[in-house]
Amino acid sequence: MKAVTDADSVISLEFDDEYSAYEVIEGTVAQQIVNELQEYFSGKRKVFTLNLKPQGTVFQIQVWEKLLSVSYGKTISYNEQAIQSGNVKNIRATASANGKNPIAIVIPCHRVIGTSGALTGYAGGLWRKERLLQLESKSRQLEPFSQ
């Protein structure tokens, strides 16, 4: 993954299929990204605490902020997401905003699925979306039973 940060926030976090080396650029935010992603992929982190500063239109930023309320291991449909954005007729605009999400995984657009339950649309590739949802589902199943 490739990250862009400023002194205290994540501006973008994207999949990068061209990048083959493992490199950590020094800095508090960069190290926090690495730590939180490692915890996420090991099933230990369900909520990210990174400061986020995605760049986009007012509408896109509203859509991305609403995505942050979709809990780990849960999914919503594009239709539900459009309703949450204030207008079910905005389904295409909402889906388009998802596709332009600059902070993958942390802003969880991978948790948005088709109304039928089908995995549709993901800028990082449907295979990644499937793997992320499997990871979250597996982690949820491994949580101990509590009363």
Protein backbone atom coordinates (compact mmCIF):
# COMPACT_ATOMS: atom_id res chain seq x y z
CA MET A 1 0.00 0.00 0.00
CA LYS A 2 1.08 3.55 -0.61
CA ALA A 3 0.27 6.29 1.88
CA VAL A 4 0.35 10.06 1.68
CA THR A 5 0.33 11.96 4.96
CA ASP A 6 0.92 15.38 6.37
CA ALA A 7 2.28 16.09 9.84
CA ASP A 8 -0.67 14.55 11.66
CA SER A 9 -3.16 12.99 9.22
CA VAL A 10 -3.63 10.42 6.48
CA ILE A 11 -4.50 12.04 3.16
CA SER A 12 -4.53 8.85 1.09
CA LEU A 13 -3.91 5.15 1.52
CA GLU A 14 -4.10 3.17 -1.69
CA PHE A 15 -3.32 -0.27 -3.02
CA ASP A 16 -0.23 -0.22 -5.23
CA ASP A 17 0.30 -3.29 -7.38
CA GLU A 18 3.41 -1.77 -8.95
CA TYR A 19 5.27 -1.32 -5.70
CA SER A 20 7.22 -4.41 -4.68
CA ALA A 21 9.49 -3.25 -1.85
CA TYR A 22 8.60 -2.91 1.80
CA GLU A 23 9.53 0.55 2.92
CA VAL A 24 8.46 2.51 5.94
CA ILE A 25 9.01 6.21 5.77
CA GLU A 26 9.82 7.56 9.17
CA GLY A 27 7.27 9.68 10.94
CA THR A 28 4.63 9.30 13.58
CA VAL A 29 1.70 9.05 11.16
CA ALA A 30 3.50 6.58 8.88
CA GLN A 31 4.37 4.34 11.82
CA GLN A 32 0.81 4.54 13.13
CA ILE A 33 -0.50 3.45 9.70
CA VAL A 34 1.86 0.47 9.68
CA ASN A 35 0.97 -0.52 13.25
CA GLU A 36 -2.79 -0.20 12.79
CA LEU A 37 -2.81 -2.06 9.46
CA GLN A 38 -0.72 -4.90 10.94
CA GLU A 39 -3.17 -5.13 13.85
CA TYR A 40 -6.12 -5.06 11.43
CA PHE A 41 -4.71 -7.83 9.23
CA SER A 42 -3.92 -9.95 12.29
CA GLY A 43 -7.54 -9.57 13.48
CA LYS A 44 -6.63 -7.50 16.54
CA ARG A 45 -7.86 -4.08 15.35
CA LYS A 46 -11.50 -3.41 14.57
CA VAL A 47 -11.47 0.40 14.76
CA PHE A 48 -8.80 2.68 13.34
CA THR A 49 -7.67 5.72 15.31
CA LEU A 50 -5.80 7.49 12.52
CA ASN A 51 -6.54 11.16 11.85
CA LEU A 52 -8.02 11.32 8.37
CA LYS A 53 -7.93 14.19 5.88
CA PRO A 54 -9.31 12.83 2.60
CA GLN A 55 -9.54 15.28 -0.28
CA GLY A 56 -12.76 15.39 -2.27
CA THR A 57 -16.00 17.25 -2.92
CA VAL A 58 -18.34 18.09 -0.07
CA PHE A 59 -20.64 15.23 -1.17
CA GLN A 60 -17.77 12.71 -1.39
CA ILE A 61 -16.51 13.64 2.06
CA GLN A 62 -20.04 13.23 3.48
CA VAL A 63 -20.30 9.76 1.91
CA TRP A 64 -16.89 8.76 3.27
CA GLU A 65 -17.76 10.04 6.76
CA LYS A 66 -20.94 7.92 6.75
CA LEU A 67 -18.86 4.88 5.75
CA LEU A 68 -16.94 5.21 9.01
CA SER A 69 -20.12 4.21 10.86
CA VAL A 70 -20.26 0.79 9.13
CA SER A 71 -18.88 -1.48 11.84
CA TYR A 72 -16.15 -4.05 11.40
CA GLY A 73 -17.60 -7.31 10.08
CA LYS A 74 -20.84 -5.66 8.93
CA THR A 75 -21.96 -4.75 5.43
CA ILE A 76 -24.53 -2.41 3.94
CA SER A 77 -25.94 -2.24 0.44
CA TYR A 78 -25.31 0.61 -1.97
CA ASN A 79 -29.04 1.34 -1.68
CA GLU A 80 -28.82 1.62 2.12
CA GLN A 81 -25.78 3.82 1.76
CA ALA A 82 -27.62 6.13 -0.66
CA ILE A 83 -30.51 6.40 1.80
CA GLN A 84 -28.03 7.30 4.55
CA SER A 85 -26.58 9.99 2.28
CA GLY A 86 -30.02 11.59 2.24
CA ASN A 87 -31.52 10.53 -1.08
CA VAL A 88 -32.01 7.05 -2.50
CA LYS A 89 -31.87 8.60 -5.97
CA ASN A 90 -28.19 9.37 -5.29
CA ILE A 91 -27.24 5.70 -5.51
CA ARG A 92 -24.98 6.20 -8.55
CA ALA A 93 -23.34 9.31 -7.10
CA THR A 94 -22.84 7.51 -3.80
CA ALA A 95 -21.31 4.48 -5.51
CA SER A 96 -19.09 6.81 -7.52
CA ALA A 97 -17.92 8.51 -4.32
CA ASN A 98 -17.04 5.06 -2.94
CA GLY A 99 -14.94 4.43 -6.02
CA LYS A 100 -13.01 7.63 -5.36
CA ASN A 101 -12.39 6.87 -1.68
CA PRO A 102 -8.74 7.86 -1.18
CA ILE A 103 -8.22 6.02 2.11
CA ALA A 104 -8.72 2.31 1.48
CA ILE A 105 -9.59 -0.06 4.33
CA VAL A 106 -9.68 2.70 6.98
CA ILE A 107 -12.66 4.31 5.26
CA PRO A 108 -14.37 0.96 4.73
CA CYS A 109 -15.98 1.16 1.29
CA HIS A 110 -15.20 -2.57 1.00
CA ARG A 111 -18.16 -3.11 3.37
CA VAL A 112 -20.67 -1.87 0.77
CA ILE A 113 -22.23 -4.65 -1.30
CA GLY A 114 -25.00 -5.07 -3.83
CA THR A 115 -28.60 -5.31 -2.63
CA SER A 116 -28.60 -9.00 -3.59
CA GLY A 117 -25.52 -9.57 -1.42
CA ALA A 118 -23.21 -9.72 -4.45
CA LEU A 119 -19.79 -8.19 -4.26
CA THR A 120 -19.82 -5.36 -6.76
CA GLY A 121 -17.43 -2.54 -7.43
CA TYR A 122 -14.21 -1.96 -5.56
CA ALA A 123 -11.40 0.27 -6.77
CA GLY A 124 -8.86 -2.10 -5.20
CA GLY A 125 -10.31 -5.07 -7.08
CA LEU A 126 -13.16 -7.40 -6.18
CA TRP A 127 -10.70 -10.08 -5.04
CA ARG A 128 -9.39 -7.66 -2.38
CA LYS A 129 -12.90 -6.74 -1.30
CA GLU A 130 -13.69 -10.42 -0.88
CA ARG A 131 -10.51 -11.03 1.13
CA LEU A 132 -11.15 -8.04 3.41
CA LEU A 133 -14.72 -9.17 4.11
CA GLN A 134 -13.49 -12.73 4.74
CA LEU A 135 -10.86 -11.41 7.14
CA GLU A 136 -13.46 -9.43 9.06
CA SER A 137 -15.91 -12.31 9.09
CA LYS A 138 -13.25 -14.76 10.30
CA SER A 139 -12.08 -12.40 13.04
CA ARG A 140 -15.65 -11.88 14.19
CA GLN A 141 -16.22 -15.63 14.45
CA LEU A 142 -13.09 -16.05 16.55
CA GLU A 143 -14.20 -13.65 19.24
CA PRO A 144 -14.89 -15.42 22.54
CA PHE A 145 -18.46 -15.87 23.66
CA SER A 146 -19.43 -13.43 26.41
CA GLN A 147 -22.47 -13.23 28.63
